[in-house]
N, C-alpha and C. Protein backbone atom coordinates (compact mmCIF):
# COMPACT_ATOMS: atom_id res chain seq x y z
N TRP A 1 -4.15 44.79 31.36
CA TRP A 1 -4.48 46.01 32.04
C TRP A 1 -3.29 46.62 32.76
N HIS A 2 -2.23 45.86 32.91
CA HIS A 2 -1.07 46.37 33.65
C HIS A 2 -0.32 47.41 32.82
N PRO A 3 0.09 48.51 33.44
CA PRO A 3 0.80 49.58 32.72
C PRO A 3 2.11 49.15 32.06
N MET A 4 2.71 48.06 32.50
CA MET A 4 3.97 47.62 31.91
C MET A 4 3.82 47.29 30.42
N TRP A 5 2.59 47.03 29.96
CA TRP A 5 2.36 46.70 28.56
C TRP A 5 2.22 47.93 27.67
N GLU A 6 2.18 49.10 28.26
CA GLU A 6 1.96 50.32 27.48
C GLU A 6 2.93 50.51 26.32
N PRO A 7 4.24 50.26 26.48
CA PRO A 7 5.14 50.39 25.33
C PRO A 7 4.78 49.45 24.18
N LEU A 8 4.32 48.25 24.50
CA LEU A 8 3.91 47.32 23.46
C LEU A 8 2.69 47.86 22.72
N TRP A 9 1.67 48.29 23.47
CA TRP A 9 0.46 48.81 22.82
C TRP A 9 0.81 49.98 21.90
N ARG A 10 1.66 50.86 22.39
CA ARG A 10 2.05 52.04 21.60
C ARG A 10 2.76 51.63 20.31
N ALA A 11 3.70 50.70 20.42
CA ALA A 11 4.47 50.25 19.24
C ALA A 11 3.56 49.56 18.23
N VAL A 12 2.70 48.67 18.70
CA VAL A 12 1.78 47.96 17.81
C VAL A 12 0.85 48.95 17.12
N ASN A 13 0.36 49.91 17.86
CA ASN A 13 -0.52 50.94 17.30
C ASN A 13 0.19 51.77 16.24
N ASP A 14 1.43 52.17 16.54
CA ASP A 14 2.18 53.04 15.64
C ASP A 14 2.44 52.41 14.28
N VAL A 15 2.63 51.11 14.23
CA VAL A 15 2.93 50.44 12.96
C VAL A 15 1.74 49.64 12.42
N SER A 16 0.61 49.72 13.11
CA SER A 16 -0.61 48.99 12.70
C SER A 16 -0.35 47.51 12.48
N LEU A 17 0.41 46.93 13.36
CA LEU A 17 0.74 45.51 13.27
C LEU A 17 -0.40 44.68 13.88
N PRO A 18 -0.86 43.63 13.19
CA PRO A 18 -1.87 42.78 13.81
C PRO A 18 -1.30 42.09 15.05
N LEU A 19 -2.09 42.02 16.09
CA LEU A 19 -1.69 41.40 17.34
C LEU A 19 -2.55 40.16 17.55
N HIS A 20 -1.91 39.06 17.93
CA HIS A 20 -2.64 37.80 18.07
C HIS A 20 -2.56 37.27 19.49
N PHE A 21 -3.70 36.80 19.96
CA PHE A 21 -3.77 36.04 21.20
C PHE A 21 -4.32 34.67 20.84
N HIS A 22 -3.59 33.64 21.21
CA HIS A 22 -3.99 32.27 20.89
C HIS A 22 -4.63 31.64 22.11
N THR A 23 -5.48 30.67 21.87
CA THR A 23 -6.05 29.92 23.00
C THR A 23 -4.93 29.32 23.83
N PHE A 24 -5.23 29.07 25.07
CA PHE A 24 -4.23 28.47 25.94
C PHE A 24 -4.93 27.58 26.96
N PRO A 25 -4.21 26.59 27.47
CA PRO A 25 -4.84 25.63 28.38
C PRO A 25 -5.37 26.28 29.65
N SER A 26 -6.47 25.71 30.15
CA SER A 26 -7.04 26.21 31.39
C SER A 26 -6.33 25.63 32.61
N LEU A 27 -5.53 24.60 32.39
CA LEU A 27 -4.71 24.01 33.45
C LEU A 27 -3.26 24.01 33.01
N PRO A 28 -2.34 24.32 33.90
CA PRO A 28 -0.93 24.25 33.52
C PRO A 28 -0.53 22.82 33.13
N GLN A 29 0.37 22.71 32.19
CA GLN A 29 0.87 21.40 31.75
C GLN A 29 1.39 20.59 32.93
N SER A 30 2.04 21.25 33.88
CA SER A 30 2.60 20.54 35.03
C SER A 30 1.52 19.84 35.86
N VAL A 31 0.34 20.44 35.95
CA VAL A 31 -0.77 19.82 36.68
C VAL A 31 -1.22 18.56 35.96
N ARG A 32 -1.36 18.65 34.65
CA ARG A 32 -1.78 17.48 33.87
C ARG A 32 -0.71 16.39 33.92
N ASP A 33 0.55 16.77 33.85
CA ASP A 33 1.64 15.79 33.82
C ASP A 33 1.74 14.98 35.12
N ARG A 34 1.30 15.54 36.21
CA ARG A 34 1.37 14.83 37.50
C ARG A 34 0.28 13.78 37.65
N GLN A 35 -0.68 13.77 36.75
CA GLN A 35 -1.80 12.84 36.84
C GLN A 35 -1.49 11.58 36.05
N THR A 36 -2.25 10.52 36.34
CA THR A 36 -2.07 9.26 35.61
C THR A 36 -3.44 8.72 35.19
N GLY A 37 -3.41 7.81 34.24
CA GLY A 37 -4.62 7.09 33.83
C GLY A 37 -5.76 8.01 33.41
N LEU A 38 -6.97 7.62 33.86
CA LEU A 38 -8.15 8.40 33.49
C LEU A 38 -8.16 9.79 34.12
N THR A 39 -7.51 9.94 35.26
CA THR A 39 -7.43 11.26 35.87
C THR A 39 -6.65 12.21 34.96
N ARG A 40 -5.58 11.70 34.38
CA ARG A 40 -4.80 12.51 33.44
C ARG A 40 -5.64 12.85 32.21
N ARG A 41 -6.39 11.88 31.70
CA ARG A 41 -7.25 12.12 30.54
C ARG A 41 -8.33 13.15 30.89
N ALA A 42 -8.90 13.06 32.09
CA ALA A 42 -9.91 14.02 32.51
C ALA A 42 -9.31 15.42 32.64
N ALA A 43 -8.09 15.50 33.15
CA ALA A 43 -7.42 16.80 33.25
C ALA A 43 -7.16 17.38 31.86
N PHE A 44 -6.77 16.53 30.92
CA PHE A 44 -6.54 16.98 29.55
C PHE A 44 -7.86 17.44 28.92
N PHE A 45 -8.93 16.68 29.14
CA PHE A 45 -10.26 17.06 28.64
C PHE A 45 -10.66 18.42 29.19
N THR A 46 -10.46 18.63 30.48
CA THR A 46 -10.78 19.91 31.11
C THR A 46 -10.01 21.04 30.45
N SER A 47 -8.75 20.81 30.21
CA SER A 47 -7.89 21.82 29.60
C SER A 47 -8.34 22.15 28.18
N VAL A 48 -8.58 21.13 27.38
CA VAL A 48 -8.97 21.34 25.98
C VAL A 48 -10.37 21.95 25.89
N ALA A 49 -11.29 21.48 26.71
CA ALA A 49 -12.67 21.98 26.65
C ALA A 49 -12.75 23.44 27.08
N GLY A 50 -11.81 23.89 27.90
CA GLY A 50 -11.84 25.26 28.39
C GLY A 50 -10.93 26.23 27.67
N PHE A 51 -10.25 25.76 26.61
CA PHE A 51 -9.30 26.62 25.88
C PHE A 51 -9.87 28.00 25.59
N GLN A 52 -11.01 28.04 24.93
CA GLN A 52 -11.54 29.31 24.46
C GLN A 52 -11.99 30.23 25.59
N MET A 53 -12.44 29.68 26.66
CA MET A 53 -13.00 30.50 27.74
C MET A 53 -11.97 31.44 28.36
N ASN A 54 -10.71 31.07 28.31
CA ASN A 54 -9.68 31.92 28.90
C ASN A 54 -9.50 33.23 28.13
N LEU A 55 -9.91 33.26 26.88
CA LEU A 55 -9.74 34.47 26.08
C LEU A 55 -10.67 35.60 26.52
N VAL A 56 -11.74 35.27 27.24
CA VAL A 56 -12.62 36.32 27.76
C VAL A 56 -11.82 37.28 28.64
N ASN A 57 -10.91 36.74 29.44
CA ASN A 57 -10.11 37.59 30.33
C ASN A 57 -9.22 38.54 29.54
N ILE A 58 -8.62 38.06 28.45
CA ILE A 58 -7.77 38.92 27.64
C ILE A 58 -8.60 40.00 26.97
N LEU A 59 -9.73 39.61 26.40
CA LEU A 59 -10.60 40.58 25.74
C LEU A 59 -11.08 41.64 26.72
N ALA A 60 -11.53 41.22 27.89
CA ALA A 60 -11.99 42.17 28.91
C ALA A 60 -10.84 43.07 29.37
N ALA A 61 -9.64 42.53 29.46
CA ALA A 61 -8.49 43.32 29.91
C ALA A 61 -8.14 44.43 28.93
N VAL A 62 -8.05 44.10 27.63
CA VAL A 62 -7.65 45.14 26.67
C VAL A 62 -8.75 46.17 26.47
N ILE A 63 -10.00 45.77 26.64
CA ILE A 63 -11.08 46.74 26.54
C ILE A 63 -11.20 47.54 27.84
N GLY A 64 -11.29 46.85 28.97
CA GLY A 64 -11.49 47.52 30.25
C GLY A 64 -10.36 48.45 30.64
N ALA A 65 -9.13 48.12 30.23
CA ALA A 65 -7.98 48.98 30.54
C ALA A 65 -7.89 50.16 29.59
N GLY A 66 -8.79 50.23 28.62
CA GLY A 66 -8.79 51.35 27.70
C GLY A 66 -7.75 51.25 26.59
N VAL A 67 -7.15 50.08 26.42
CA VAL A 67 -6.12 49.91 25.39
C VAL A 67 -6.70 50.23 24.01
N LEU A 68 -7.88 49.70 23.71
CA LEU A 68 -8.47 49.92 22.39
C LEU A 68 -9.00 51.34 22.25
N GLU A 69 -9.32 51.98 23.34
CA GLU A 69 -9.72 53.39 23.30
C GLU A 69 -8.52 54.27 22.98
N ARG A 70 -7.41 54.04 23.66
CA ARG A 70 -6.21 54.87 23.47
C ARG A 70 -5.49 54.59 22.16
N TYR A 71 -5.61 53.36 21.69
CA TYR A 71 -4.86 52.94 20.51
C TYR A 71 -5.80 52.37 19.44
N PRO A 72 -6.46 53.23 18.70
CA PRO A 72 -7.46 52.77 17.73
C PRO A 72 -6.88 52.04 16.51
N ASN A 73 -5.56 52.07 16.32
CA ASN A 73 -4.96 51.34 15.20
C ASN A 73 -4.61 49.90 15.54
N ILE A 74 -4.74 49.53 16.81
CA ILE A 74 -4.47 48.14 17.19
C ILE A 74 -5.58 47.26 16.64
N ARG A 75 -5.16 46.19 15.99
CA ARG A 75 -6.09 45.17 15.48
C ARG A 75 -5.72 43.86 16.15
N ILE A 76 -6.70 43.24 16.79
CA ILE A 76 -6.44 42.03 17.55
C ILE A 76 -7.19 40.85 16.95
N SER A 77 -6.48 39.73 16.86
CA SER A 77 -7.10 38.47 16.45
C SER A 77 -7.00 37.49 17.61
N PHE A 78 -8.12 36.85 17.90
CA PHE A 78 -8.14 35.79 18.89
C PHE A 78 -8.12 34.47 18.11
N GLY A 79 -6.95 33.81 18.13
CA GLY A 79 -6.72 32.65 17.29
C GLY A 79 -7.24 31.35 17.86
N GLU A 80 -7.84 30.56 16.99
CA GLU A 80 -8.42 29.27 17.36
C GLU A 80 -9.36 29.42 18.54
N SER A 81 -10.03 30.54 18.58
CA SER A 81 -10.80 30.89 19.77
C SER A 81 -12.20 30.34 19.80
N GLY A 82 -12.70 29.84 18.68
CA GLY A 82 -14.12 29.56 18.63
C GLY A 82 -14.85 30.90 18.66
N ILE A 83 -16.15 30.87 18.43
CA ILE A 83 -16.88 32.14 18.40
C ILE A 83 -18.17 32.14 19.21
N GLY A 84 -18.63 30.98 19.63
CA GLY A 84 -19.90 30.89 20.35
C GLY A 84 -19.92 31.65 21.67
N TRP A 85 -18.77 31.82 22.28
CA TRP A 85 -18.67 32.51 23.57
C TRP A 85 -18.74 34.03 23.43
N ILE A 86 -18.47 34.54 22.25
CA ILE A 86 -18.29 35.98 22.07
C ILE A 86 -19.55 36.79 22.37
N PRO A 87 -20.75 36.42 21.86
CA PRO A 87 -21.92 37.24 22.18
C PRO A 87 -22.19 37.35 23.68
N TYR A 88 -22.03 36.23 24.39
CA TYR A 88 -22.24 36.29 25.84
C TYR A 88 -21.23 37.21 26.50
N ALA A 89 -19.96 37.07 26.14
CA ALA A 89 -18.91 37.89 26.75
C ALA A 89 -19.14 39.37 26.47
N LEU A 90 -19.49 39.71 25.24
CA LEU A 90 -19.73 41.11 24.90
C LEU A 90 -20.94 41.66 25.63
N ASP A 91 -22.01 40.87 25.69
CA ASP A 91 -23.20 41.30 26.40
C ASP A 91 -22.90 41.54 27.87
N ARG A 92 -22.13 40.64 28.46
CA ARG A 92 -21.76 40.77 29.87
C ARG A 92 -20.90 42.01 30.11
N MET A 93 -19.92 42.23 29.22
CA MET A 93 -19.06 43.42 29.36
C MET A 93 -19.87 44.69 29.18
N ASP A 94 -20.78 44.72 28.21
CA ASP A 94 -21.63 45.90 28.01
C ASP A 94 -22.46 46.17 29.27
N PHE A 95 -23.05 45.12 29.82
CA PHE A 95 -23.87 45.27 31.02
C PHE A 95 -23.05 45.81 32.19
N GLU A 96 -21.91 45.19 32.44
CA GLU A 96 -21.08 45.61 33.57
C GLU A 96 -20.58 47.04 33.38
N TRP A 97 -20.21 47.40 32.16
CA TRP A 97 -19.74 48.77 31.90
C TRP A 97 -20.86 49.76 32.18
N GLU A 98 -22.06 49.47 31.68
CA GLU A 98 -23.20 50.37 31.92
C GLU A 98 -23.54 50.45 33.40
N ASP A 99 -23.46 49.32 34.09
CA ASP A 99 -23.90 49.23 35.48
C ASP A 99 -22.89 49.76 36.49
N ARG A 100 -21.59 49.44 36.30
CA ARG A 100 -20.63 49.75 37.36
C ARG A 100 -19.30 50.33 36.92
N PHE A 101 -19.03 50.38 35.63
CA PHE A 101 -17.67 50.72 35.22
C PHE A 101 -17.59 51.87 34.22
N ARG A 102 -18.53 52.81 34.32
CA ARG A 102 -18.49 53.97 33.42
C ARG A 102 -17.29 54.86 33.71
N ASP A 103 -16.64 54.65 34.83
CA ASP A 103 -15.48 55.47 35.22
C ASP A 103 -14.18 55.02 34.54
N LEU A 104 -14.22 54.00 33.70
CA LEU A 104 -13.00 53.49 33.07
C LEU A 104 -12.49 54.36 31.92
N GLY A 105 -13.26 55.35 31.53
CA GLY A 105 -12.80 56.24 30.46
C GLY A 105 -13.09 55.74 29.06
N LEU A 106 -13.94 54.74 28.94
CA LEU A 106 -14.31 54.24 27.62
C LEU A 106 -15.37 55.16 27.01
N LYS A 107 -15.20 55.48 25.74
CA LYS A 107 -16.16 56.35 25.07
C LYS A 107 -17.22 55.56 24.31
N MET A 108 -17.04 54.25 24.25
CA MET A 108 -17.99 53.38 23.56
C MET A 108 -18.27 52.16 24.44
N ARG A 109 -19.33 51.46 24.09
CA ARG A 109 -19.61 50.20 24.77
C ARG A 109 -18.52 49.19 24.40
N PRO A 110 -18.19 48.26 25.29
CA PRO A 110 -17.18 47.26 24.97
C PRO A 110 -17.44 46.52 23.65
N SER A 111 -18.68 46.21 23.36
CA SER A 111 -18.99 45.50 22.12
C SER A 111 -18.63 46.33 20.88
N GLU A 112 -18.64 47.64 21.00
CA GLU A 112 -18.27 48.49 19.87
C GLU A 112 -16.77 48.44 19.61
N TYR A 113 -15.98 48.32 20.66
CA TYR A 113 -14.53 48.14 20.46
C TYR A 113 -14.28 46.80 19.76
N TRP A 114 -15.02 45.77 20.18
CA TRP A 114 -14.88 44.47 19.52
C TRP A 114 -15.10 44.62 18.02
N ARG A 115 -16.20 45.22 17.65
CA ARG A 115 -16.53 45.33 16.22
C ARG A 115 -15.53 46.21 15.47
N ARG A 116 -14.99 47.19 16.14
CA ARG A 116 -14.06 48.10 15.47
C ARG A 116 -12.67 47.50 15.30
N GLN A 117 -12.19 46.72 16.26
CA GLN A 117 -10.78 46.36 16.28
C GLN A 117 -10.45 44.88 16.44
N CYS A 118 -11.43 44.04 16.63
CA CYS A 118 -11.12 42.64 16.95
C CYS A 118 -11.68 41.66 15.92
N LYS A 119 -11.02 40.52 15.88
CA LYS A 119 -11.45 39.40 15.03
C LYS A 119 -11.25 38.12 15.83
N ALA A 120 -11.95 37.08 15.40
CA ALA A 120 -11.77 35.75 15.99
C ALA A 120 -11.66 34.73 14.88
N THR A 121 -10.80 33.74 15.08
CA THR A 121 -10.69 32.65 14.12
C THR A 121 -11.26 31.38 14.75
N PHE A 122 -11.77 30.52 13.89
CA PHE A 122 -12.36 29.27 14.36
C PHE A 122 -12.34 28.26 13.23
N GLN A 123 -12.41 26.98 13.60
CA GLN A 123 -12.46 25.92 12.61
C GLN A 123 -13.88 25.39 12.46
N PHE A 124 -14.45 25.00 13.58
CA PHE A 124 -15.78 24.40 13.56
C PHE A 124 -16.52 24.84 14.80
N ASP A 125 -17.57 25.61 14.61
CA ASP A 125 -18.34 26.14 15.73
C ASP A 125 -19.79 26.32 15.28
N PRO A 126 -20.55 25.22 15.21
CA PRO A 126 -21.93 25.32 14.72
C PRO A 126 -22.83 26.20 15.59
N ILE A 127 -22.54 26.31 16.87
CA ILE A 127 -23.30 27.23 17.72
C ILE A 127 -22.95 28.67 17.34
N GLY A 128 -21.67 28.94 17.23
CA GLY A 128 -21.22 30.28 16.88
C GLY A 128 -21.74 30.77 15.55
N THR A 129 -21.82 29.87 14.56
CA THR A 129 -22.29 30.32 13.24
C THR A 129 -23.78 30.66 13.25
N LYS A 130 -24.50 30.24 14.27
CA LYS A 130 -25.90 30.66 14.43
C LYS A 130 -25.99 32.07 15.02
N LEU A 131 -24.88 32.56 15.55
CA LEU A 131 -24.87 33.85 16.25
C LEU A 131 -24.07 34.92 15.50
N ILE A 132 -23.85 34.70 14.22
CA ILE A 132 -22.99 35.61 13.46
C ILE A 132 -23.49 37.06 13.52
N ASP A 133 -24.79 37.27 13.44
CA ASP A 133 -25.30 38.65 13.49
C ASP A 133 -24.98 39.32 14.82
N ASP A 134 -24.96 38.54 15.90
CA ASP A 134 -24.64 39.09 17.22
C ASP A 134 -23.15 39.38 17.36
N ILE A 135 -22.32 38.61 16.68
CA ILE A 135 -20.87 38.76 16.78
C ILE A 135 -20.37 39.83 15.81
N GLY A 136 -20.93 39.82 14.61
CA GLY A 136 -20.50 40.71 13.54
C GLY A 136 -19.73 39.94 12.49
N VAL A 137 -20.31 39.78 11.31
CA VAL A 137 -19.68 38.99 10.26
C VAL A 137 -18.29 39.51 9.93
N GLU A 138 -18.09 40.81 10.03
CA GLU A 138 -16.80 41.41 9.69
C GLU A 138 -15.71 41.08 10.71
N THR A 139 -16.08 40.49 11.83
CA THR A 139 -15.10 40.17 12.87
C THR A 139 -14.67 38.70 12.85
N LEU A 140 -15.13 37.94 11.88
CA LEU A 140 -14.88 36.50 11.88
C LEU A 140 -13.95 36.08 10.75
N MET A 141 -13.03 35.17 11.08
CA MET A 141 -12.10 34.62 10.09
C MET A 141 -12.03 33.10 10.31
N TRP A 142 -12.42 32.36 9.30
CA TRP A 142 -12.37 30.91 9.39
C TRP A 142 -10.95 30.43 9.10
N GLY A 143 -10.55 29.35 9.76
CA GLY A 143 -9.25 28.75 9.50
C GLY A 143 -9.31 27.25 9.67
N SER A 144 -8.45 26.54 8.97
CA SER A 144 -8.45 25.07 9.04
C SER A 144 -7.50 24.54 10.11
N ASP A 145 -6.62 25.38 10.63
CA ASP A 145 -5.59 25.01 11.59
C ASP A 145 -4.59 24.02 10.98
N TYR A 146 -4.42 24.09 9.67
CA TYR A 146 -3.44 23.25 8.99
C TYR A 146 -2.05 23.58 9.49
N PRO A 147 -1.19 22.65 9.77
CA PRO A 147 -1.32 21.19 9.66
C PRO A 147 -1.55 20.51 11.01
N HIS A 148 -2.03 21.21 12.00
CA HIS A 148 -2.20 20.61 13.33
C HIS A 148 -3.20 19.46 13.30
N PRO A 149 -2.95 18.43 14.08
CA PRO A 149 -3.84 17.25 14.04
C PRO A 149 -5.24 17.51 14.58
N ASP A 150 -5.43 18.58 15.37
CA ASP A 150 -6.77 18.86 15.88
C ASP A 150 -7.54 19.80 14.96
N GLY A 151 -6.95 20.18 13.83
CA GLY A 151 -7.63 21.03 12.86
C GLY A 151 -8.59 20.22 12.00
N VAL A 152 -9.21 20.88 11.04
CA VAL A 152 -10.21 20.22 10.20
C VAL A 152 -9.67 19.82 8.83
N TRP A 153 -8.43 20.18 8.52
CA TRP A 153 -7.82 19.79 7.25
C TRP A 153 -7.50 18.29 7.30
N PRO A 154 -7.69 17.51 6.29
CA PRO A 154 -7.99 17.86 4.90
C PRO A 154 -9.48 17.86 4.56
N GLN A 155 -10.35 17.83 5.55
CA GLN A 155 -11.80 17.87 5.29
C GLN A 155 -12.36 19.29 5.37
N SER A 156 -11.55 20.28 5.09
CA SER A 156 -11.96 21.68 5.23
C SER A 156 -13.24 22.00 4.47
N SER A 157 -13.34 21.55 3.23
CA SER A 157 -14.53 21.85 2.42
C SER A 157 -15.79 21.29 3.07
N LYS A 158 -15.69 20.11 3.64
CA LYS A 158 -16.83 19.49 4.31
C LYS A 158 -17.28 20.35 5.51
N TYR A 159 -16.32 20.80 6.30
CA TYR A 159 -16.65 21.61 7.47
C TYR A 159 -17.22 22.97 7.07
N ILE A 160 -16.69 23.55 6.02
CA ILE A 160 -17.22 24.83 5.54
C ILE A 160 -18.68 24.65 5.10
N ALA A 161 -18.94 23.63 4.30
CA ALA A 161 -20.31 23.39 3.81
C ALA A 161 -21.26 23.11 4.97
N GLU A 162 -20.80 22.33 5.94
CA GLU A 162 -21.66 21.93 7.05
C GLU A 162 -22.06 23.10 7.94
N GLN A 163 -21.12 23.97 8.26
CA GLN A 163 -21.46 25.04 9.19
C GLN A 163 -21.88 26.35 8.53
N PHE A 164 -21.59 26.50 7.24
CA PHE A 164 -21.96 27.74 6.56
C PHE A 164 -23.06 27.55 5.52
N GLY A 165 -23.60 26.34 5.41
CA GLY A 165 -24.61 26.06 4.39
C GLY A 165 -25.84 26.94 4.46
N HIS A 166 -26.16 27.45 5.62
CA HIS A 166 -27.35 28.29 5.78
C HIS A 166 -27.09 29.77 5.49
N LEU A 167 -25.85 30.10 5.16
CA LEU A 167 -25.47 31.51 4.96
C LEU A 167 -25.38 31.86 3.48
N PRO A 168 -25.64 33.13 3.14
CA PRO A 168 -25.47 33.56 1.75
C PRO A 168 -24.00 33.47 1.33
N PRO A 169 -23.74 33.23 0.04
CA PRO A 169 -22.36 33.09 -0.44
C PRO A 169 -21.46 34.28 -0.11
N ASP A 170 -21.99 35.51 -0.14
CA ASP A 170 -21.14 36.67 0.15
C ASP A 170 -20.68 36.67 1.60
N VAL A 171 -21.51 36.17 2.51
CA VAL A 171 -21.13 36.09 3.93
C VAL A 171 -20.06 35.01 4.10
N VAL A 172 -20.24 33.88 3.45
CA VAL A 172 -19.25 32.80 3.51
C VAL A 172 -17.91 33.29 2.97
N SER A 173 -17.93 34.04 1.88
CA SER A 173 -16.70 34.58 1.30
C SER A 173 -16.00 35.53 2.27
N LYS A 174 -16.77 36.35 2.97
CA LYS A 174 -16.17 37.26 3.95
C LYS A 174 -15.47 36.47 5.05
N ILE A 175 -16.15 35.47 5.58
CA ILE A 175 -15.62 34.72 6.71
C ILE A 175 -14.44 33.84 6.31
N THR A 176 -14.49 33.25 5.13
CA THR A 176 -13.45 32.31 4.72
C THR A 176 -12.30 32.95 3.96
N CYS A 177 -12.44 34.21 3.55
CA CYS A 177 -11.39 34.81 2.73
C CYS A 177 -11.19 36.31 2.97
N GLU A 178 -12.22 37.09 2.69
CA GLU A 178 -12.08 38.54 2.65
C GLU A 178 -11.66 39.16 3.98
N ASN A 179 -12.26 38.74 5.08
CA ASN A 179 -11.94 39.35 6.37
C ASN A 179 -10.47 39.17 6.73
N ALA A 180 -9.93 37.98 6.50
CA ALA A 180 -8.51 37.73 6.78
C ALA A 180 -7.64 38.55 5.84
N GLY A 181 -8.01 38.60 4.57
CA GLY A 181 -7.24 39.39 3.60
C GLY A 181 -7.15 40.85 4.00
N LYS A 182 -8.25 41.40 4.47
CA LYS A 182 -8.26 42.80 4.92
C LYS A 182 -7.48 42.97 6.22
N PHE A 183 -7.66 42.03 7.15
CA PHE A 183 -6.98 42.11 8.44
C PHE A 183 -5.46 42.15 8.27
N TYR A 184 -4.96 41.34 7.35
CA TYR A 184 -3.51 41.26 7.12
C TYR A 184 -3.02 42.21 6.03
N GLY A 185 -3.90 43.04 5.51
CA GLY A 185 -3.50 44.01 4.51
C GLY A 185 -3.19 43.41 3.15
N LEU A 186 -3.74 42.25 2.86
CA LEU A 186 -3.50 41.59 1.58
C LEU A 186 -4.48 42.06 0.50
N ILE A 187 -5.66 42.52 0.94
CA ILE A 187 -6.65 43.10 0.04
C ILE A 187 -7.24 44.33 0.70
N ASN A 188 -7.84 45.18 -0.10
CA ASN A 188 -8.47 46.41 0.46
C ASN A 188 -9.88 46.15 0.90
């Protein structure tokens, strides 16, 4: 939301470059490093378990500051973000905008900016895959996080079958292939 980012938003918009925000720890590394034993493990657990939740602040900032309103060519991906949190965050932003923040200059509900300009990537999120209609199938991109050790590779096929087994093949194809291809301009 800070005006110092305006040149970045303008440049990204002008060249239609995909912009990525990756998950990040909820605790600084220095805090975890000062701990020992089980306290250190608990601090690491806290950090890892809260990775995705920090992205709500970034999403709310780019929407609430009107970045996506002013720059409709910006396309944002929230990497390794999980997806189960998204319906709640969008519902909350829509409610707050309707209730107290109509003065922000947004011409659409926050959830409409999400559907128009944002995507999220995830490896395994069985809760999120139950909420695809609320999130928007066109906003989802599956990834294996290869070659990171916390990713699902080399069991990618197993994870795809397990969490997408209840979905029609065309929806699975969109999430596992087509949406990313379109986002990166590899397919039309």
